[in-house]
């Protein structure tokens, strides 16, 4: 089999950039840095690739880093989104959401963002 310049370029690109294209968070509700008037009923996360819902969870922390809840994800109608329903309303204040999930390739990813509830 003859190696063409195109084939060499494709192999080089896959080698150089293959690790850069793992799943990542593209949107959340509440959004990062957002101030909302009332407690959300859920946290919803959207990814650039389909997340593995059974491996998706969030931990909600108060501004002082004390843990409020850890919530497991549930599937939504959108295969790129995961819903994380809150068991009880959150009081006014600032919160940090630490999330984690896995891609279909098994690669674990995690991140964090914050929001504030100010009625």
PDB file of N, CA and C in Angstrom:
ATOM      1  N   UNK A   1       0.843  -1.167   0.000  1.00  0.00           N
ATOM      2  CA  UNK A   1       0.000   0.000   0.000  1.00  0.00           C
ATOM      3  C   UNK A   1       0.894   1.238   0.000  1.00  0.00           C
ATOM      4  N   UNK A   2       0.586   2.179  -0.861  1.00  0.00           N
ATOM      5  CA  UNK A   2       1.356   3.407  -0.983  1.00  0.00           C
ATOM      6  C   UNK A   2       0.833   4.440   0.009  1.00  0.00           C
ATOM      7  N   UNK A   3       1.749   5.124   0.681  1.00  0.00           N
ATOM      8  CA  UNK A   3       1.365   6.177   1.606  1.00  0.00           C
ATOM      9  C   UNK A   3       1.281   7.486   0.841  1.00  0.00           C
ATOM     10  N   UNK A   4       0.107   8.105   0.889  1.00  0.00           N
ATOM     11  CA  UNK A   4      -0.087   9.371   0.188  1.00  0.00           C
ATOM     12  C   UNK A   4       0.139  10.525   1.154  1.00  0.00           C
ATOM     13  N   UNK A   5       0.419  11.722   0.626  1.00  0.00           N
ATOM     14  CA  UNK A   5       0.557  12.887   1.505  1.00  0.00           C
ATOM     15  C   UNK A   5      -0.700  13.120   2.341  1.00  0.00           C
ATOM     16  N   UNK A   6      -1.886  12.864   1.757  1.00  0.00           N
ATOM     17  CA  UNK A   6      -3.136  13.040   2.505  1.00  0.00           C
ATOM     18  C   UNK A   6      -3.190  12.091   3.701  1.00  0.00           C
ATOM     19  N   UNK A   7      -2.826  10.834   3.475  1.00  0.00           N
ATOM     20  CA  UNK A   7      -2.848   9.838   4.558  1.00  0.00           C
ATOM     21  C   UNK A   7      -1.871  10.242   5.663  1.00  0.00           C
ATOM     22  N   UNK A   8      -0.685  10.702   5.284  1.00  0.00           N
ATOM     23  CA  UNK A   8       0.293  11.152   6.280  1.00  0.00           C
ATOM     24  C   UNK A   8      -0.229  12.336   7.085  1.00  0.00           C
ATOM     25  N   UNK A   9      -0.886  13.271   6.399  1.00  0.00           N
ATOM     26  CA  UNK A   9      -1.446  14.441   7.088  1.00  0.00           C
ATOM     27  C   UNK A   9      -2.546  14.019   8.062  1.00  0.00           C
ATOM     28  N   UNK A  10      -3.383  13.084   7.658  1.00  0.00           N
ATOM     29  CA  UNK A  10      -4.466  12.613   8.526  1.00  0.00           C
ATOM     30  C   UNK A  10      -3.918  11.918   9.770  1.00  0.00           C
ATOM     31  N   UNK A  11      -2.902  11.087   9.592  1.00  0.00           N
ATOM     32  CA  UNK A  11      -2.287  10.397  10.728  1.00  0.00           C
ATOM     33  C   UNK A  11      -1.626  11.410  11.667  1.00  0.00           C
ATOM     34  N   UNK A  12      -0.937  12.387  11.101  1.00  0.00           N
ATOM     35  CA  UNK A  12      -0.285  13.416  11.921  1.00  0.00           C
ATOM     36  C   UNK A  12      -1.312  14.225  12.699  1.00  0.00           C
ATOM     37  N   UNK A  13      -2.404  14.608  12.064  1.00  0.00           N
ATOM     38  CA  UNK A  13      -3.444  15.382  12.751  1.00  0.00           C
ATOM     39  C   UNK A  13      -4.077  14.570  13.875  1.00  0.00           C
ATOM     40  N   UNK A  14      -4.351  13.303  13.620  1.00  0.00           N
ATOM     41  CA  UNK A  14      -4.949  12.459  14.656  1.00  0.00           C
ATOM     42  C   UNK A  14      -4.005  12.302  15.837  1.00  0.00           C
ATOM     43  N   UNK A  15      -2.726  12.171  15.563  1.00  0.00           N
ATOM     44  CA  UNK A  15      -1.737  12.023  16.626  1.00  0.00           C
ATOM     45  C   UNK A  15      -1.594  13.301  17.439  1.00  0.00           C
ATOM     46  N   UNK A  16      -1.513  14.424  16.746  1.00  0.00           N
ATOM     47  CA  UNK A  16      -1.298  15.700  17.430  1.00  0.00           C
ATOM     48  C   UNK A  16      -2.532  16.189  18.183  1.00  0.00           C
ATOM     49  N   UNK A  17      -3.708  16.018  17.584  1.00  0.00           N
ATOM     50  CA  UNK A  17      -4.903  16.627  18.134  1.00  0.00           C
ATOM     51  C   UNK A  17      -5.906  15.638  18.709  1.00  0.00           C
ATOM     52  N   UNK A  18      -5.612  14.355  18.664  1.00  0.00           N
ATOM     53  CA  UNK A  18      -6.566  13.348  19.130  1.00  0.00           C
ATOM     54  C   UNK A  18      -6.999  13.541  20.560  1.00  0.00           C
ATOM     55  N   UNK A  19      -6.120  13.949  21.447  1.00  0.00           N
ATOM     56  CA  UNK A  19      -6.468  14.135  22.843  1.00  0.00           C
ATOM     57  C   UNK A  19      -7.180  15.433  23.137  1.00  0.00           C
ATOM     58  N   UNK A  20      -7.254  16.337  22.146  1.00  0.00           N
ATOM     59  CA  UNK A  20      -7.852  17.640  22.388  1.00  0.00           C
ATOM     60  C   UNK A  20      -9.353  17.651  22.169  1.00  0.00           C
ATOM     61  N   UNK A  21      -9.910  16.602  21.615  1.00  0.00           N
ATOM     62  CA  UNK A  21     -11.301  16.633  21.213  1.00  0.00           C
ATOM     63  C   UNK A  21     -12.200  15.772  22.080  1.00  0.00           C
ATOM     64  N   UNK A  22     -11.820  15.565  23.331  1.00  0.00           N
ATOM     65  CA  UNK A  22     -12.694  14.830  24.235  1.00  0.00           C
ATOM     66  C   UNK A  22     -13.925  15.661  24.550  1.00  0.00           C
ATOM     67  N   UNK A  23     -14.901  15.010  25.100  1.00  0.00           N
ATOM     68  CA  UNK A  23     -16.130  15.654  25.491  1.00  0.00           C
ATOM     69  C   UNK A  23     -15.850  16.825  26.428  1.00  0.00           C
ATOM     70  N   UNK A  24     -16.625  17.899  26.297  1.00  0.00           N
ATOM     71  CA  UNK A  24     -16.509  19.021  27.216  1.00  0.00           C
ATOM     72  C   UNK A  24     -17.855  19.722  27.358  1.00  0.00           C
ATOM     73  N   UNK A  25     -18.022  20.415  28.460  1.00  0.00           N
ATOM     74  CA  UNK A  25     -19.245  21.150  28.749  1.00  0.00           C
ATOM     75  C   UNK A  25     -19.338  22.352  27.820  1.00  0.00           C
ATOM     76  N   UNK A  26     -20.499  22.524  27.188  1.00  0.00           N
ATOM     77  CA  UNK A  26     -20.685  23.676  26.314  1.00  0.00           C
ATOM     78  C   UNK A  26     -21.699  24.670  26.868  1.00  0.00           C
ATOM     79  N   UNK A  27     -22.568  24.221  27.791  1.00  0.00           N
ATOM     80  CA  UNK A  27     -23.600  25.104  28.328  1.00  0.00           C
ATOM     81  C   UNK A  27     -24.144  24.501  29.612  1.00  0.00           C
ATOM     82  N   UNK A  28     -24.597  25.376  30.502  1.00  0.00           N
ATOM     83  CA  UNK A  28     -25.266  24.908  31.716  1.00  0.00           C
ATOM     84  C   UNK A  28     -26.408  25.863  32.052  1.00  0.00           C
ATOM     85  N   UNK A  29     -27.391  25.333  32.759  1.00  0.00           N
ATOM     86  CA  UNK A  29     -28.476  26.138  33.330  1.00  0.00           C
ATOM     87  C   UNK A  29     -28.621  25.687  34.757  1.00  0.00           C
ATOM     88  N   UNK A  30     -28.392  26.587  35.737  1.00  0.00           N
ATOM     89  CA  UNK A  30     -27.975  27.973  35.573  1.00  0.00           C
ATOM     90  C   UNK A  30     -26.599  28.071  34.927  1.00  0.00           C
ATOM     91  N   UNK A  31     -26.349  29.216  34.310  1.00  0.00           N
ATOM     92  CA  UNK A  31     -25.090  29.441  33.623  1.00  0.00           C
ATOM     93  C   UNK A  31     -23.992  29.881  34.569  1.00  0.00           C
ATOM     94  N   UNK A  32     -22.771  29.713  34.140  1.00  0.00           N
ATOM     95  CA  UNK A  32     -21.614  30.108  34.938  1.00  0.00           C
ATOM     96  C   UNK A  32     -21.653  31.613  35.195  1.00  0.00           C
ATOM     97  N   UNK A  33     -21.616  31.987  36.471  1.00  0.00           N
ATOM     98  CA  UNK A  33     -21.627  33.393  36.861  1.00  0.00           C
ATOM     99  C   UNK A  33     -23.002  34.031  36.857  1.00  0.00           C
ATOM    100  N   UNK A  34     -24.030  33.289  36.516  1.00  0.00           N
ATOM    101  CA  UNK A  34     -25.376  33.832  36.411  1.00  0.00           C
ATOM    102  C   UNK A  34     -25.973  34.108  37.788  1.00  0.00           C
ATOM    103  N   UNK A  35     -26.733  35.199  37.890  1.00  0.00           N
ATOM    104  CA  UNK A  35     -27.534  35.490  39.079  1.00  0.00           C
ATOM    105  C   UNK A  35     -28.987  35.244  38.698  1.00  0.00           C
ATOM    106  N   UNK A  36     -29.654  34.408  39.477  1.00  0.00           N
ATOM    107  CA  UNK A  36     -31.052  34.069  39.206  1.00  0.00           C
ATOM    108  C   UNK A  36     -31.905  34.487  40.394  1.00  0.00           C
ATOM    109  N   UNK A  37     -33.193  34.695  40.157  1.00  0.00           N
ATOM    110  CA  UNK A  37     -34.083  35.224  41.190  1.00  0.00           C
ATOM    111  C   UNK A  37     -34.622  34.157  42.138  1.00  0.00           C
ATOM    112  N   UNK A  38     -34.639  32.912  41.705  1.00  0.00           N
ATOM    113  CA  UNK A  38     -35.191  31.833  42.538  1.00  0.00           C
ATOM    114  C   UNK A  38     -34.389  30.559  42.315  1.00  0.00           C
ATOM    115  N   UNK A  39     -34.527  29.636  43.240  1.00  0.00           N
ATOM    116  CA  UNK A  39     -33.818  28.362  43.130  1.00  0.00           C
ATOM    117  C   UNK A  39     -34.232  27.629  41.864  1.00  0.00           C
ATOM    118  N   UNK A  40     -33.261  27.062  41.154  1.00  0.00           N
ATOM    119  CA  UNK A  40     -33.632  26.239  40.003  1.00  0.00           C
ATOM    120  C   UNK A  40     -34.229  24.919  40.500  1.00  0.00           C
ATOM    121  N   UNK A  41     -35.019  24.291  39.660  1.00  0.00           N
ATOM    122  CA  UNK A  41     -35.565  22.969  40.001  1.00  0.00           C
ATOM    123  C   UNK A  41     -34.567  21.871  39.656  1.00  0.00           C
ATOM    124  N   UNK A  42     -33.644  22.225  38.762  1.00  0.00           N
ATOM    125  CA  UNK A  42     -32.626  21.277  38.324  1.00  0.00           C
ATOM    126  C   UNK A  42     -31.413  22.042  37.821  1.00  0.00           C
ATOM    127  N   UNK A  43     -30.317  21.331  37.746  1.00  0.00           N
ATOM    128  CA  UNK A  43     -29.139  21.803  37.020  1.00  0.00           C
ATOM    129  C   UNK A  43     -29.147  21.006  35.729  1.00  0.00           C
ATOM    130  N   UNK A  44     -28.927  21.682  34.612  1.00  0.00           N
ATOM    131  CA  UNK A  44     -28.898  20.978  33.326  1.00  0.00           C
ATOM    132  C   UNK A  44     -27.567  21.288  32.652  1.00  0.00           C
ATOM    133  N   UNK A  45     -26.933  20.240  32.149  1.00  0.00           N
ATOM    134  CA  UNK A  45     -25.623  20.352  31.511  1.00  0.00           C
ATOM    135  C   UNK A  45     -25.711  19.873  30.072  1.00  0.00           C
ATOM    136  N   UNK A  46     -25.091  20.620  29.151  1.00  0.00           N
ATOM    137  CA  UNK A  46     -24.997  20.231  27.745  1.00  0.00           C
ATOM    138  C   UNK A  46     -23.535  20.024  27.387  1.00  0.00           C
ATOM    139  N   UNK A  47     -23.266  18.992  26.625  1.00  0.00           N
ATOM    140  CA  UNK A  47     -21.903  18.637  26.226  1.00  0.00           C
ATOM    141  C   UNK A  47     -21.799  18.618  24.708  1.00  0.00           C
ATOM    142  N   UNK A  48     -20.563  18.664  24.201  1.00  0.00           N
ATOM    143  CA  UNK A  48     -20.356  18.614  22.763  1.00  0.00           C
ATOM    144  C   UNK A  48     -20.499  17.188  22.214  1.00  0.00           C
ATOM    145  N   UNK A  49     -20.400  16.189  23.073  1.00  0.00           N
ATOM    146  CA  UNK A  49     -20.622  14.790  22.706  1.00  0.00           C
ATOM    147  C   UNK A  49     -21.594  14.195  23.717  1.00  0.00           C
ATOM    148  N   UNK A  50     -22.214  13.089  23.349  1.00  0.00           N
ATOM    149  CA  UNK A  50     -23.164  12.436  24.248  1.00  0.00           C
ATOM    150  C   UNK A  50     -22.450  11.969  25.517  1.00  0.00           C
ATOM    151  N   UNK A  51     -22.896  12.460  26.685  1.00  0.00           N
ATOM    152  CA  UNK A  51     -22.295  12.002  27.938  1.00  0.00           C
ATOM    153  C   UNK A  51     -22.872  10.649  28.346  1.00  0.00           C
ATOM    154  N   UNK A  52     -22.151   9.940  29.174  1.00  0.00           N
ATOM    155  CA  UNK A  52     -22.648   8.689  29.738  1.00  0.00           C
ATOM    156  C   UNK A  52     -23.450   9.054  30.989  1.00  0.00           C
ATOM    157  N   UNK A  53     -24.764   9.041  30.869  1.00  0.00           N
ATOM    158  CA  UNK A  53     -25.652   9.509  31.942  1.00  0.00           C
ATOM    159  C   UNK A  53     -25.404   8.786  33.269  1.00  0.00           C
ATOM    160  N   UNK A  54     -25.205   7.450  33.293  1.00  0.00           N
ATOM    161  CA  UNK A  54     -24.984   6.784  34.579  1.00  0.00           C
ATOM    162  C   UNK A  54     -23.732   7.263  35.325  1.00  0.00           C
ATOM    163  N   UNK A  55     -22.812   7.881  34.603  1.00  0.00           N
ATOM    164  CA  UNK A  55     -21.573   8.358  35.219  1.00  0.00           C
ATOM    165  C   UNK A  55     -21.560   9.876  35.397  1.00  0.00           C
ATOM    166  N   UNK A  56     -22.727  10.501  35.258  1.00  0.00           N
ATOM    167  CA  UNK A  56     -22.823  11.953  35.369  1.00  0.00           C
ATOM    168  C   UNK A  56     -23.435  12.334  36.709  1.00  0.00           C
ATOM    169  N   UNK A  57     -22.760  13.249  37.405  1.00  0.00           N
ATOM    170  CA  UNK A  57     -23.271  13.742  38.687  1.00  0.00           C
ATOM    171  C   UNK A  57     -22.761  15.152  38.927  1.00  0.00           C
ATOM    172  N   UNK A  58     -23.421  15.839  39.860  1.00  0.00           N
ATOM    173  CA  UNK A  58     -22.943  17.137  40.324  1.00  0.00           C
ATOM    174  C   UNK A  58     -22.935  17.132  41.841  1.00  0.00           C
ATOM    175  N   UNK A  59     -22.018  17.883  42.394  1.00  0.00           N
ATOM    176  CA  UNK A  59     -22.019  18.185  43.827  1.00  0.00           C
ATOM    177  C   UNK A  59     -22.201  19.683  43.927  1.00  0.00           C
ATOM    178  N   UNK A  60     -23.200  20.085  44.683  1.00  0.00           N
ATOM    179  CA  UNK A  60     -23.462  21.515  44.877  1.00  0.00           C
ATOM    180  C   UNK A  60     -22.875  21.917  46.214  1.00  0.00           C
ATOM    181  N   UNK A  61     -22.079  22.977  46.188  1.00  0.00           N
ATOM    182  CA  UNK A  61     -21.413  23.502  47.381  1.00  0.00           C
ATOM    183  C   UNK A  61     -21.861  24.933  47.629  1.00  0.00           C
ATOM    184  N   UNK A  62     -21.921  25.318  48.907  1.00  0.00           N
ATOM    185  CA  UNK A  62     -22.141  26.723  49.252  1.00  0.00           C
ATOM    186  C   UNK A  62     -20.844  27.492  49.002  1.00  0.00           C
ATOM    187  N   UNK A  63     -20.908  28.805  49.106  1.00  0.00           N
ATOM    188  CA  UNK A  63     -19.727  29.647  48.876  1.00  0.00           C
ATOM    189  C   UNK A  63     -18.597  29.304  49.844  1.00  0.00           C
ATOM    190  N   UNK A  64     -18.936  28.806  51.050  1.00  0.00           N
ATOM    191  CA  UNK A  64     -17.905  28.439  52.027  1.00  0.00           C
ATOM    192  C   UNK A  64     -17.379  27.011  51.814  1.00  0.00           C
ATOM    193  N   UNK A  65     -17.749  26.400  50.696  1.00  0.00           N
ATOM    194  CA  UNK A  65     -17.336  25.040  50.289  1.00  0.00           C
ATOM    195  C   UNK A  65     -18.033  23.918  51.053  1.00  0.00           C
ATOM    196  N   UNK A  66     -19.027  24.238  51.878  1.00  0.00           N
ATOM    197  CA  UNK A  66     -19.775  23.166  52.537  1.00  0.00           C
ATOM    198  C   UNK A  66     -20.725  22.521  51.521  1.00  0.00           C
ATOM    199  N   UNK A  67     -20.834  21.213  51.610  1.00  0.00           N
ATOM    200  CA  UNK A  67     -21.611  20.435  50.643  1.00  0.00           C
ATOM    201  C   UNK A  67     -23.106  20.576  50.903  1.00  0.00           C
ATOM    202  N   UNK A  68     -23.856  20.848  49.847  1.00  0.00           N
ATOM    203  CA  UNK A  68     -25.313  20.918  49.909  1.00  0.00           C
ATOM    204  C   UNK A  68     -25.910  19.586  49.480  1.00  0.00           C
ATOM    205  N   UNK A  69     -25.458  19.076  48.339  1.00  0.00           N
ATOM    206  CA  UNK A  69     -26.026  17.828  47.806  1.00  0.00           C
ATOM    207  C   UNK A  69     -25.138  17.271  46.712  1.00  0.00           C
ATOM    208  N   UNK A  70     -25.238  15.955  46.522  1.00  0.00           N
ATOM    209  CA  UNK A  70     -24.669  15.299  45.349  1.00  0.00           C
ATOM    210  C   UNK A  70     -25.841  14.688  44.610  1.00  0.00           C
ATOM    211  N   UNK A  71     -25.923  14.948  43.311  1.00  0.00           N
ATOM    212  CA  UNK A  71     -27.084  14.565  42.524  1.00  0.00           C
ATOM    213  C   UNK A  71     -26.636  13.756  41.314  1.00  0.00           C
ATOM    214  N   UNK A  72     -27.310  12.637  41.071  1.00  0.00           N
ATOM    215  CA  UNK A  72     -27.047  11.807  39.895  1.00  0.00           C
ATOM    216  C   UNK A  72     -27.828  12.346  38.700  1.00  0.00           C
ATOM    217  N   UNK A  73     -27.255  12.213  37.521  1.00  0.00           N
ATOM    218  CA  UNK A  73     -27.891  12.696  36.309  1.00  0.00           C
ATOM    219  C   UNK A  73     -28.991  11.779  35.818  1.00  0.00           C
ATOM    220  N   UNK A  74     -29.926  12.371  35.091  1.00  0.00           N
ATOM    221  CA  UNK A  74     -30.990  11.621  34.418  1.00  0.00           C
ATOM    222  C   UNK A  74     -31.024  12.054  32.956  1.00  0.00           C
ATOM    223  N   UNK A  75     -31.415  11.135  32.103  1.00  0.00           N
ATOM    224  CA  UNK A  75     -31.468  11.407  30.669  1.00  0.00           C
ATOM    225  C   UNK A  75     -32.545  12.438  30.357  1.00  0.00           C
ATOM    226  N   UNK A  76     -32.336  13.144  29.257  1.00  0.00           N
ATOM    227  CA  UNK A  76     -33.307  14.117  28.765  1.00  0.00           C
ATOM    228  C   UNK A  76     -33.657  13.764  27.322  1.00  0.00           C
ATOM    229  N   UNK A  77     -34.569  14.521  26.729  1.00  0.00           N
ATOM    230  CA  UNK A  77     -34.916  14.307  25.324  1.00  0.00           C
ATOM    231  C   UNK A  77     -33.753  14.643  24.393  1.00  0.00           C
ATOM    232  N   UNK A  78     -32.834  15.476  24.873  1.00  0.00           N
ATOM    233  CA  UNK A  78     -31.658  15.881  24.106  1.00  0.00           C
ATOM    234  C   UNK A  78     -30.502  14.965  24.501  1.00  0.00           C
ATOM    235  N   UNK A  79     -29.977  14.190  23.569  1.00  0.00           N
ATOM    236  CA  UNK A  79     -28.925  13.220  23.905  1.00  0.00           C
ATOM    237  C   UNK A  79     -27.620  13.875  24.336  1.00  0.00           C
ATOM    238  N   UNK A  80     -27.468  15.182  24.117  1.00  0.00           N
ATOM    239  CA  UNK A  80     -26.262  15.890  24.538  1.00  0.00           C
ATOM    240  C   UNK A  80     -26.424  16.547  25.905  1.00  0.00           C
ATOM    241  N   UNK A  81     -27.609  16.407  26.512  1.00  0.00           N
ATOM    242  CA  UNK A  81     -27.891  17.067  27.790  1.00  0.00           C
ATOM    243  C   UNK A  81     -28.200  16.052  28.878  1.00  0.00           C
ATOM    244  N   UNK A  82     -27.908  16.467  30.116  1.00  0.00           N
ATOM    245  CA  UNK A  82     -28.226  15.673  31.303  1.00  0.00           C
ATOM    246  C   UNK A  82     -28.903  16.601  32.305  1.00  0.00           C
ATOM    247  N   UNK A  83     -29.987  16.133  32.918  1.00  0.00           N
ATOM    248  CA  UNK A  83     -30.676  16.891  33.953  1.00  0.00           C
ATOM    249  C   UNK A  83     -30.277  16.330  35.314  1.00  0.00           C
ATOM    250  N   UNK A  84     -30.147  17.226  36.288  1.00  0.00           N
ATOM    251  CA  UNK A  84     -29.794  16.840  37.652  1.00  0.00           C
ATOM    252  C   UNK A  84     -30.792  17.519  38.580  1.00  0.00           C
ATOM    253  N   UNK A  85     -31.917  16.845  38.884  1.00  0.00           N
ATOM    254  CA  UNK A  85     -32.997  17.464  39.650  1.00  0.00           C
ATOM    255  C   UNK A  85     -32.637  17.687  41.115  1.00  0.00           C
ATOM    256  N   UNK A  86     -32.976  18.864  41.602  1.00  0.00           N
ATOM    257  CA  UNK A  86     -32.746  19.198  43.013  1.00  0.00           C
ATOM    258  C   UNK A  86     -33.881  18.630  43.857  1.00  0.00           C
ATOM    259  N   UNK A  87     -33.557  18.035  44.992  1.00  0.00           N
ATOM    260  CA  UNK A  87     -34.570  17.453  45.874  1.00  0.00           C
ATOM    261  C   UNK A  87     -35.335  18.534  46.634  1.00  0.00           C
ATOM    262  N   UNK A  88     -34.701  19.667  46.884  1.00  0.00           N
ATOM    263  CA  UNK A  88     -35.327  20.759  47.635  1.00  0.00           C
ATOM    264  C   UNK A  88     -34.790  22.085  47.094  1.00  0.00           C
ATOM    265  N   UNK A  89     -35.580  23.158  47.225  1.00  0.00           N
ATOM    266  CA  UNK A  89     -35.112  24.465  46.764  1.00  0.00           C
ATOM    267  C   UNK A  89     -33.871  24.925  47.539  1.00  0.00           C
ATOM    268  N   UNK A  90     -33.021  25.655  46.857  1.00  0.00           N
ATOM    269  CA  UNK A  90     -31.836  26.230  47.493  1.00  0.00           C
ATOM    270  C   UNK A  90     -32.176  27.628  48.015  1.00  0.00           C
ATOM    271  N   UNK A  91     -31.699  27.979  49.201  1.00  0.00           N
ATOM    272  CA  UNK A  91     -31.924  29.343  49.686  1.00  0.00           C
ATOM    273  C   UNK A  91     -31.033  30.342  48.940  1.00  0.00           C
ATOM    274  N   UNK A  92     -31.337  31.621  49.112  1.00  0.00           N
ATOM    275  CA  UNK A  92     -30.523  32.666  48.491  1.00  0.00           C
ATOM    276  C   UNK A  92     -29.067  32.484  48.893  1.00  0.00           C
ATOM    277  N   UNK A  93     -28.167  32.800  47.973  1.00  0.00           N
ATOM    278  CA  UNK A  93     -26.745  32.684  48.245  1.00  0.00           C
ATOM    279  C   UNK A  93     -25.969  32.311  47.001  1.00  0.00           C
ATOM    280  N   UNK A  94     -24.675  32.137  47.167  1.00  0.00           N
ATOM    281  CA  UNK A  94     -23.784  31.760  46.069  1.00  0.00           C
ATOM    282  C   UNK A  94     -23.456  30.276  46.163  1.00  0.00           C
ATOM    283  N   UNK A  95     -23.378  29.633  44.997  1.00  0.00           N
ATOM    284  CA  UNK A  95     -23.151  28.194  44.930  1.00  0.00           C
ATOM    285  C   UNK A  95     -22.092  27.857  43.888  1.00  0.00           C
ATOM    286  N   UNK A  96     -21.415  26.749  44.116  1.00  0.00           N
ATOM    287  CA  UNK A  96     -20.478  26.181  43.157  1.00  0.00           C
ATOM    288  C   UNK A  96     -21.017  24.812  42.779  1.00  0.00           C
ATOM    289  N   UNK A  97     -21.031  24.537  41.489  1.00  0.00           N
ATOM    290  CA  UNK A  97     -21.449  23.238  40.977  1.00  0.00           C
ATOM    291  C   UNK A  97     -20.196  22.531  40.465  1.00  0.00           C
ATOM    292  N   UNK A  98     -19.870  21.401  41.077  1.00  0.00           N
ATOM    293  CA  UNK A  98     -18.775  20.560  40.602  1.00  0.00           C
ATOM    294  C   UNK A  98     -19.411  19.403  39.847  1.00  0.00           C
ATOM    295  N   UNK A  99     -19.117  19.288  38.560  1.00  0.00           N
ATOM    296  CA  UNK A  99     -19.728  18.245  37.751  1.00  0.00           C
ATOM    297  C   UNK A  99     -18.677  17.264  37.261  1.00  0.00           C
ATOM    298  N   UNK A 100     -19.165  16.082  36.943  1.00  0.00           N
ATOM    299  CA  UNK A 100     -18.307  15.067  36.325  1.00  0.00           C
ATOM    300  C   UNK A 100     -19.169  14.168  35.459  1.00  0.00           C
ATOM    301  N   UNK A 101     -18.550  13.656  34.400  1.00  0.00           N
ATOM    302  CA  UNK A 101     -19.225  12.728  33.496  1.00  0.00           C
ATOM    303  C   UNK A 101     -18.157  11.902  32.791  1.00  0.00           C
ATOM    304  N   UNK A 102     -18.594  11.059  31.891  1.00  0.00           N
ATOM    305  CA  UNK A 102     -17.670  10.276  31.066  1.00  0.00           C
ATOM    306  C   UNK A 102     -18.181  10.327  29.634  1.00  0.00           C
ATOM    307  N   UNK A 103     -17.272  10.282  28.711  1.00  0.00           N
ATOM    308  CA  UNK A 103     -17.607  10.201  27.288  1.00  0.00           C
ATOM    309  C   UNK A 103     -17.811   8.747  26.915  1.00  0.00           C
ATOM    310  N   UNK A 104     -18.296   8.517  25.720  1.00  0.00           N
ATOM    311  CA  UNK A 104     -18.494   7.145  25.262  1.00  0.00           C
ATOM    312  C   UNK A 104     -17.175   6.383  25.173  1.00  0.00           C
ATOM    313  N   UNK A 105     -16.048   7.112  25.080  1.00  0.00           N
ATOM    314  CA  UNK A 105     -14.743   6.441  25.051  1.00  0.00           C
ATOM    315  C   UNK A 105     -14.237   6.107  26.455  1.00  0.00           C
ATOM    316  N   UNK A 106     -15.047   6.430  27.482  1.00  0.00           N
ATOM    317  CA  UNK A 106     -14.675   6.120  28.861  1.00  0.00           C
ATOM    318  C   UNK A 106     -13.836   7.184  29.533  1.00  0.00           C
ATOM    319  N   UNK A 107     -13.474   8.231  28.801  1.00  0.00           N
ATOM    320  CA  UNK A 107     -12.643   9.303  29.355  1.00  0.00           C
ATOM    321  C   UNK A 107     -13.457  10.120  30.353  1.00  0.00           C
ATOM    322  N   UNK A 108     -13.013  10.164  31.605  1.00  0.00           N
ATOM    323  CA  UNK A 108     -13.701  10.947  32.641  1.00  0.00           C
ATOM    324  C   UNK A 108     -13.332  12.418  32.488  1.00  0.00           C
ATOM    325  N   UNK A 109     -14.333  13.266  32.605  1.00  0.00           N
ATOM    326  CA  UNK A 109     -14.102  14.709  32.562  1.00  0.00           C
ATOM    327  C   UNK A 109     -14.831  15.349  33.730  1.00  0.00           C
ATOM    328  N   UNK A 110     -14.340  16.479  34.156  1.00  0.00           N
ATOM    329  CA  UNK A 110     -14.975  17.196  35.263  1.00  0.00           C
ATOM    330  C   UNK A 110     -14.704  18.673  35.136  1.00  0.00           C
ATOM    331  N   UNK A 111     -15.479  19.440  35.879  1.00  0.00           N
ATOM    332  CA  UNK A 111     -15.326  20.888  35.869  1.00  0.00           C
ATOM    333  C   UNK A 111     -16.171  21.495  36.968  1.00  0.00           C
ATOM    334  N   UNK A 112     -16.204  22.814  36.972  1.00  0.00           N
ATOM    335  CA  UNK A 112     -16.993  23.510  37.991  1.00  0.00           C
ATOM    336  C   UNK A 112     -17.406  24.860  37.457  1.00  0.00           C
ATOM    337  N   UNK A 113     -18.495  25.363  37.994  1.00  0.00           N
ATOM    338  CA  UNK A 113     -18.971  26.700  37.675  1.00  0.00           C
ATOM    339  C   UNK A 113     -19.793  27.186  38.861  1.00  0.00           C
ATOM    340  N   UNK A 114     -20.059  28.480  38.899  1.00  0.00           N
ATOM    341  CA  UNK A 114     -20.807  29.047  40.010  1.00  0.00           C
ATOM    342  C   UNK A 114     -22.006  29.834  39.549  1.00  0.00           C
ATOM    343  N   UNK A 115     -22.961  29.980  40.459  1.00  0.00           N
ATOM    344  CA  UNK A 115     -24.129  30.829  40.213  1.00  0.00           C
ATOM    345  C   UNK A 115     -24.591  31.377  41.552  1.00  0.00           C
ATOM    346  N   UNK A 116     -25.440  32.392  41.491  1.00  0.00           N
ATOM    347  CA  UNK A 116     -25.956  33.044  42.698  1.00  0.00           C
ATOM    348  C   UNK A 116     -27.468  33.126  42.619  1.00  0.00           C
ATOM    349  N   UNK A 117     -28.123  32.894  43.760  1.00  0.00           N
ATOM    350  CA  UNK A 117     -29.559  33.099  43.878  1.00  0.00           C
ATOM    351  C   UNK A 117     -29.745  34.373  44.699  1.00  0.00           C
ATOM    352  N   UNK A 118     -30.365  35.375  44.072  1.00  0.00           N
ATOM    353  CA  UNK A 118     -30.606  36.659  44.756  1.00  0.00           C
ATOM    354  C   UNK A 118     -32.026  37.128  44.403  1.00  0.00           C
ATOM    355  N   UNK A 119     -32.984  36.811  45.285  1.00  0.00           N
ATOM    356  CA  UNK A 119     -34.377  37.197  44.995  1.00  0.00           C
ATOM    357  C   UNK A 119     -34.551  38.703  44.885  1.00  0.00           C
TER     358      UNK A 119
END
